[in-house]
Every structure is written in C-alpha cells, then in structure tokens.
C-alpha cells in the first residue's frame, strides 16, 4: 500500500493505526567532551525527551503502517557547556529509504550540522509549536526548532522519493521554521550569511521555484530507478542514469548549490552497485557525468566501473 494514500476503511475500522506516527528515530546524545561538572543523567533525560518529541508527535495527516515508518538516526554530539546550561553541539542525521522488493536501505539523508547552540535544563519542556517556533526562550527553543526542521526535511525527501513533488508541504514547513527561527547572538545556521551549507540554504534549495528540477531528480532516482532495480534492472538503470543526467543539467544551470552535495553525500557505493553490470557504453556515460557532479569520487568511479 502506498503510505501517502489513506483508505477510508482504515479510518473507520483502524483508528489506532490512523494515529500511527511517521518516524522511528533513534536519538543518541554524546557527552564525552563535557566535563564532570554536569550530571550525566541530564544527557540521558535529554536523549529520552528528544526521542519522544520525534517518535510520539504526529507530523503529517497521513497513515503510516508500522513497517512504513521512516528509520532515522540523530546523533547529537555535545562539545561544550557554559554555566547557564548553554551547549554547543554538532548533529549528524542519517536516514535510510527502503527499496521495493529488497531489504536494502538507500541513503536518503547523511548530513552533519556542525553549528548548533541551545540551552537545556533537565526536564525542561521539549516541545515544538510551529506557530511559535522560538518558544518562550530563543536558546531553549533552538533545540526543538533544529530537530523539527530536520524532521520536515526528512518527510519532504521521503515523500518526494515516492511521488513527484510530493514533499512540497513539508519543505514549506521547514521553510517556516527558517523564517521564524529563534534569534540570539550565539544562534547560527538559520541565515544566509551564516555560511553556504546550512539550514537556510537547504530549505531554500528545496522551496525555490527556480530549482524545481531537483524534485524530479529525487523521484526519478528513487521511485523510477531504484524501486525497479530488482524486477526491471535495465529500466531501472536507464532511470537512474536519467536522474544523474538531470542532476548534471541542474548543476550546470545552478552551480554550487547545497542540495547537490546533500544528494551525493555517501552515494558513490550505491551508484557503483547499480551500474557494476551495465554495458560499457552506459558505464562511460555514468563516469562522465559523475566526474562533474561528484568530483571527489571521480577516480573511484573510473576504477570501479572500468
């Protein structure tokens, strides 16, 4: 069943399922860099509260069966703390997207947000209100704003991978968080002047009408490509190659966008696996394209796809 469609019979007879949440997230809080001045129980509580925020909240109006929940990992690495319980941290987000008729999980997100500042005291409310993104205190609100932002990015990408431009409403919600993000002198990542690879630019790349082609790439690569790999290998390769060609065109028209790097992150082994048994002509086309859009792995493609 397509998880993006709700059947009336489910709504009538399966009210428990209808309230099923969308994500099955594992949140890990690392505190090795924090000294003994802070009771380590605080970090266990923080981890539990963040897990509950993601897994217990209903983020969409759609029905997700238990086997359809999006598997994701959030690794919050605490780097320092001040006397007023303000932390600096980095966040790693990893999300797998299941491929039809297989046990394989394709990487949907593999990203590091390296600049997060927030305030946390044990048992403080860890809640998110999209109408009051910053909450009562900007530094406290920044923790939930960051996590909610990435949840909406994950949902948008997941929906995009199953239906053409299916993630639009979730990208808009992520953009709403950017627009109304908490403001404080130590908070960064939400503004265009905070760097070239941050939350601002990721949301911008996914909502900017001039960059719409990237959504075609996600749908073609995943649903028309990978989802057919185990039943129609030739057609699947054609569509994956088509997606890579579109991505090359996209990059030529919009050079140095964050979304290109975001998509290609940890993608090389998967692409090599798709084309390992392709004909020489197809391999040559793949190598030519990837040498332009994934320069850091160009030599790897030439070696593995020769």
Protein backbone atom coordinates (compact mmCIF):
# COMPACT_ATOMS: atom_id res chain seq x y z
CA UNK A 1 0.00 0.00 0.00
CA UNK A 2 1.21 3.48 -0.80
CA UNK A 3 1.69 5.15 2.55
CA UNK A 4 0.85 8.51 1.01
CA UNK A 5 -2.81 7.45 0.50
CA UNK A 6 -5.36 6.96 3.23
CA UNK A 7 -8.11 4.45 2.61
CA UNK A 8 -11.48 5.32 4.19
CA UNK A 9 -11.84 1.77 5.51
CA UNK A 10 -8.69 2.27 7.56
CA UNK A 11 -10.04 5.47 9.06
CA UNK A 12 -13.30 3.78 10.01
CA UNK A 13 -12.07 0.49 11.41
CA UNK A 14 -8.47 1.12 12.45
CA UNK A 15 -8.42 4.29 14.50
CA UNK A 16 -5.32 3.15 16.38
CA UNK A 17 -3.36 2.74 13.16
CA UNK A 18 -4.67 6.08 11.90
CA UNK A 19 -2.80 7.76 14.70
CA UNK A 20 0.43 5.92 13.97
CA UNK A 21 3.42 8.23 13.89
CA UNK A 22 5.65 8.58 10.86
CA UNK A 23 9.20 8.26 12.17
CA UNK A 24 11.04 5.61 14.11
CA UNK A 25 14.03 7.59 15.27
CA UNK A 26 16.97 6.68 17.43
CA UNK A 27 18.42 9.72 19.18
CA UNK A 28 21.86 9.44 20.75
CA UNK A 29 23.38 12.20 22.86
CA UNK A 30 27.17 12.03 23.18
CA UNK A 31 28.64 13.90 26.14
CA UNK A 32 32.26 12.72 26.30
CA UNK A 33 33.54 16.25 25.66
CA UNK A 34 31.52 17.65 28.57
CA UNK A 35 33.38 17.61 31.87
CA UNK A 36 32.24 16.20 35.19
CA UNK A 37 30.61 19.50 36.19
CA UNK A 38 27.34 18.28 34.65
CA UNK A 39 25.47 15.26 35.99
CA UNK A 40 25.44 12.70 33.17
CA UNK A 41 21.82 11.83 33.97
CA UNK A 42 20.91 15.13 32.31
CA UNK A 43 22.01 13.77 28.94
CA UNK A 44 20.01 10.56 29.34
CA UNK A 45 16.93 12.66 30.04
CA UNK A 46 17.68 14.91 27.08
CA UNK A 47 18.03 11.87 24.82
CA UNK A 48 14.71 10.44 26.01
CA UNK A 49 12.85 13.72 25.61
CA UNK A 50 14.16 14.27 22.07
CA UNK A 51 13.28 10.70 21.12
CA UNK A 52 9.76 11.21 22.41
CA UNK A 53 9.42 14.51 20.55
CA UNK A 54 10.22 12.85 17.23
CA UNK A 55 8.52 9.48 17.66
CA UNK A 56 5.41 10.47 19.61
CA UNK A 57 4.34 13.55 17.67
CA UNK A 58 2.05 13.25 14.63
CA UNK A 59 3.88 15.20 11.91
CA UNK A 60 1.54 14.56 8.96
CA UNK A 61 -2.12 13.84 8.29
CA UNK A 62 -1.33 10.53 6.60
CA UNK A 63 -1.44 6.94 7.81
CA UNK A 64 1.84 5.07 8.20
CA UNK A 65 1.79 1.35 8.84
CA UNK A 66 4.42 0.18 11.34
CA UNK A 67 6.59 -1.26 8.56
CA UNK A 68 6.40 2.03 6.65
CA UNK A 69 7.84 4.21 9.38
CA UNK A 70 10.91 6.16 8.33
CA UNK A 71 14.01 4.78 10.03
CA UNK A 72 16.40 7.53 11.11
CA UNK A 73 19.26 8.26 13.46
CA UNK A 74 20.08 11.56 15.15
CA UNK A 75 23.48 11.82 16.82
CA UNK A 76 23.81 14.95 18.96
CA UNK A 77 27.48 15.43 19.87
CA UNK A 78 27.82 17.91 22.74
CA UNK A 79 31.07 19.84 22.51
CA UNK A 80 30.97 22.39 25.34
CA UNK A 81 28.72 23.83 28.03
CA UNK A 82 28.63 27.16 29.89
CA UNK A 83 27.45 27.97 33.39
CA UNK A 84 23.95 28.85 32.19
CA UNK A 85 23.38 25.33 30.71
CA UNK A 86 24.02 26.50 27.16
CA UNK A 87 25.56 23.87 24.90
CA UNK A 88 27.39 23.94 21.62
CA UNK A 89 26.93 20.78 19.58
CA UNK A 90 27.01 19.11 16.20
CA UNK A 91 24.18 16.98 14.85
CA UNK A 92 24.50 14.05 12.46
CA UNK A 93 21.33 12.94 10.67
CA UNK A 94 21.16 9.60 8.88
CA UNK A 95 18.03 8.30 7.14
CA UNK A 96 17.51 5.18 5.06
CA UNK A 97 14.86 4.77 2.40
CA UNK A 98 13.73 1.17 1.70
CA UNK A 99 13.93 -0.05 -1.89
CA UNK A 100 10.99 -2.08 -3.23
CA UNK A 101 11.30 -5.88 -3.23
CA UNK A 102 14.52 -5.86 -1.24
CA UNK A 103 15.95 -5.45 2.25
CA UNK A 104 18.25 -2.70 1.01
CA UNK A 105 18.05 0.80 2.51
CA UNK A 106 19.21 3.58 0.21
CA UNK A 107 20.73 6.62 1.95
CA UNK A 108 18.15 9.41 1.90
CA UNK A 109 19.96 11.73 4.29
CA UNK A 110 23.53 11.60 5.57
CA UNK A 111 24.32 15.08 6.82
CA UNK A 112 26.23 16.86 9.57
CA UNK A 113 25.02 20.14 11.02
CA UNK A 114 28.13 21.40 12.77
CA UNK A 115 26.89 24.56 14.47
CA UNK A 116 24.06 24.20 16.98
CA UNK A 117 23.77 26.24 20.17
CA UNK A 118 20.96 25.66 22.66
CA UNK A 119 20.04 25.81 26.33
CA UNK A 120 18.85 22.72 28.18
CA UNK A 121 17.99 22.05 31.81
CA UNK A 122 16.89 18.59 32.88
CA UNK A 123 13.14 18.02 32.49
CA UNK A 124 12.51 21.33 30.73
CA UNK A 125 9.64 21.00 28.23
CA UNK A 126 10.93 19.68 24.91
CA UNK A 127 8.02 20.62 22.66
CA UNK A 128 7.57 22.19 19.27
CA UNK A 129 4.88 24.62 18.18
CA UNK A 130 5.10 25.65 14.53
CA UNK A 131 3.17 28.83 15.35
CA UNK A 132 5.75 29.80 17.99
CA UNK A 133 8.98 28.30 16.69
CA UNK A 134 11.22 30.05 19.21
CA UNK A 135 9.04 29.29 22.22
CA UNK A 136 9.48 31.42 25.35
CA UNK A 137 13.27 31.46 25.21
CA UNK A 138 15.30 31.53 21.96
CA UNK A 139 18.16 29.33 23.17
CA UNK A 140 15.83 26.70 24.64
CA UNK A 141 13.59 26.88 21.59
CA UNK A 142 16.52 26.41 19.23
CA UNK A 143 16.93 22.76 20.27
CA UNK A 144 13.41 21.78 19.23
CA UNK A 145 13.45 24.09 16.20
CA UNK A 146 16.51 22.30 14.80
CA UNK A 147 15.07 18.83 15.33
CA UNK A 148 11.64 19.76 13.93
CA UNK A 149 13.32 21.36 10.92
CA UNK A 150 15.16 18.15 10.05
CA UNK A 151 12.05 16.06 10.62
CA UNK A 152 10.24 18.11 7.97
CA UNK A 153 13.21 17.88 5.61
CA UNK A 154 13.22 14.10 6.06
CA UNK A 155 9.48 13.86 5.42
CA UNK A 156 9.76 16.06 2.34
CA UNK A 157 12.54 13.97 0.83
CA UNK A 158 10.75 10.73 1.64
CA UNK A 159 7.52 11.91 0.01
CA UNK A 160 9.46 13.29 -2.97
CA UNK A 161 11.02 9.88 -3.50
CA UNK A 162 7.61 8.20 -3.81
CA UNK A 163 5.62 10.81 -5.76
CA UNK A 164 6.59 13.72 -7.97
CA UNK A 165 6.91 16.88 -5.85
CA UNK A 166 5.17 15.00 -3.05
CA UNK A 167 7.22 16.68 -0.35
CA UNK A 168 6.28 20.29 -1.05
CA UNK A 169 4.15 20.86 2.05
CA UNK A 170 6.91 19.61 4.34
CA UNK A 171 9.57 21.77 2.72
CA UNK A 172 7.26 24.73 3.31
CA UNK A 173 7.03 23.76 6.99
CA UNK A 174 10.82 23.59 7.16
CA UNK A 175 11.00 27.00 5.48
CA UNK A 176 8.53 28.34 8.06
CA UNK A 177 10.95 27.30 10.80
CA UNK A 178 13.79 29.07 8.99
CA UNK A 179 11.72 32.24 8.60
CA UNK A 180 10.66 32.25 12.26
CA UNK A 181 13.79 30.73 13.74
CA UNK A 182 14.93 31.71 17.24
CA UNK A 183 17.19 34.75 17.25
CA UNK A 184 20.03 35.26 19.69
CA UNK A 185 23.63 36.34 19.13
CA UNK A 186 25.05 32.83 19.65
CA UNK A 187 22.49 31.08 17.41
CA UNK A 188 23.53 30.48 13.82
CA UNK A 189 22.64 28.33 10.81
CA UNK A 190 19.31 29.96 10.03
CA UNK A 191 20.56 32.92 7.99
CA UNK A 192 22.08 33.27 4.53
CA UNK A 193 25.14 34.98 5.99
CA UNK A 194 25.83 32.08 8.40
CA UNK A 195 27.65 30.09 5.69
CA UNK A 196 26.98 28.35 2.39
CA UNK A 197 25.98 24.90 3.70
CA UNK A 198 23.44 25.48 6.42
CA UNK A 199 19.73 25.13 7.27
CA UNK A 200 18.86 28.31 5.42
CA UNK A 201 20.30 27.14 2.12
CA UNK A 202 18.98 23.58 2.34
CA UNK A 203 15.40 24.82 2.82
CA UNK A 204 15.93 27.47 0.14
CA UNK A 205 17.15 24.90 -2.38
CA UNK A 206 14.09 22.74 -1.73
CA UNK A 207 11.48 25.54 -1.92
CA UNK A 208 12.93 27.85 -4.58
CA UNK A 209 10.79 27.53 -7.73
CA UNK A 210 13.88 28.13 -9.89
CA UNK A 211 15.37 24.90 -8.51
CA UNK A 212 12.30 22.72 -9.07
CA UNK A 213 14.20 20.24 -11.22
CA UNK A 214 15.83 18.77 -8.14
CA UNK A 215 12.48 17.24 -7.12
CA UNK A 216 12.30 15.44 -10.47
CA UNK A 217 15.75 14.04 -9.70
CA UNK A 218 14.65 12.56 -6.36
CA UNK A 219 11.53 10.95 -7.83
CA UNK A 220 13.28 9.59 -10.91
CA UNK A 221 16.28 8.29 -8.99
CA UNK A 222 14.36 6.53 -6.23
CA UNK A 223 10.93 5.53 -7.46
CA UNK A 224 11.52 5.08 -11.19
CA UNK A 225 15.09 3.91 -10.69
CA UNK A 226 15.97 2.06 -7.51
CA UNK A 227 12.45 0.73 -6.86
CA UNK A 228 12.61 -1.16 -10.17
CA UNK A 229 16.12 -2.48 -9.73
CA UNK A 230 15.10 -5.93 -8.57
CA UNK A 231 12.36 -6.51 -11.17
CA UNK A 232 13.39 -4.45 -14.22
CA UNK A 233 17.12 -3.92 -13.99
CA UNK A 234 17.60 -2.41 -17.44
CA UNK A 235 14.74 0.08 -16.99
CA UNK A 236 15.99 0.90 -13.51
CA UNK A 237 19.47 1.72 -14.77
CA UNK A 238 18.03 3.87 -17.55
CA UNK A 239 16.10 5.91 -14.99
CA UNK A 240 18.99 6.22 -12.53
CA UNK A 241 21.15 7.43 -15.41
CA UNK A 242 18.38 9.83 -16.41
CA UNK A 243 18.30 11.20 -12.84
CA UNK A 244 22.07 11.70 -12.85
CA UNK A 245 21.84 13.45 -16.22
CA UNK A 246 19.15 15.76 -14.83
CA UNK A 247 21.36 16.44 -11.85
CA UNK A 248 24.21 17.38 -14.19
CA UNK A 249 21.92 19.78 -16.08
CA UNK A 250 20.72 21.17 -12.76
CA UNK A 251 24.29 21.77 -11.64
CA UNK A 252 25.21 23.50 -14.89
CA UNK A 253 22.27 25.87 -14.54
CA UNK A 254 22.66 26.30 -10.77
CA UNK A 255 26.31 25.76 -9.84
CA UNK A 256 27.49 25.27 -6.28
CA UNK A 257 24.09 24.58 -4.71
CA UNK A 258 23.98 22.87 -1.34
CA UNK A 259 21.40 20.32 -2.49
CA UNK A 260 23.82 18.74 -4.98
CA UNK A 261 26.34 17.94 -2.24
CA UNK A 262 23.49 16.90 0.05
CA UNK A 263 22.20 14.39 -2.52
CA UNK A 264 25.60 12.98 -3.45
CA UNK A 265 26.81 12.52 0.14
CA UNK A 266 27.79 8.84 0.63
CA UNK A 267 26.12 7.95 -2.67
CA UNK A 268 29.15 6.59 -4.57
CA UNK A 269 28.97 2.93 -3.46
CA UNK A 270 25.27 2.75 -4.29
CA UNK A 271 25.74 4.18 -7.78
CA UNK A 272 28.66 1.85 -8.46
CA UNK A 273 26.49 -1.08 -7.38
CA UNK A 274 23.70 -0.03 -9.75
CA UNK A 275 25.99 0.20 -12.78
CA UNK A 276 28.54 -2.51 -11.98
CA UNK A 277 26.94 -4.89 -14.50
CA UNK A 278 25.90 -2.25 -17.04
CA UNK A 279 27.20 -2.26 -20.61
CA UNK A 280 30.44 -0.35 -21.36
CA UNK A 281 28.63 2.50 -23.12
CA UNK A 282 26.38 3.13 -20.12
CA UNK A 283 29.32 2.96 -17.73
CA UNK A 284 31.17 5.55 -19.80
CA UNK A 285 28.20 7.93 -19.63
CA UNK A 286 27.93 7.43 -15.88
CA UNK A 287 31.63 8.09 -15.33
CA UNK A 288 31.49 11.22 -17.49
CA UNK A 289 28.54 12.64 -15.55
CA UNK A 290 29.88 11.77 -12.12
CA UNK A 291 33.28 13.24 -12.84
CA UNK A 292 31.47 16.59 -12.98
CA UNK A 293 28.91 16.29 -10.17
CA UNK A 294 30.88 14.16 -7.69
CA UNK A 295 34.44 15.30 -8.31
CA UNK A 296 35.86 13.98 -5.05
CA UNK A 297 34.93 10.41 -6.08
CA UNK A 298 35.80 10.70 -9.79
CA UNK A 299 38.80 8.38 -9.54
CA UNK A 300 36.75 5.84 -7.61
CA UNK A 301 34.11 5.68 -10.33
CA UNK A 302 36.73 5.25 -13.06
CA UNK A 303 38.37 2.40 -11.14
CA UNK A 304 35.22 0.56 -10.03
CA UNK A 305 33.25 0.95 -13.28
CA UNK A 306 36.04 0.20 -15.74
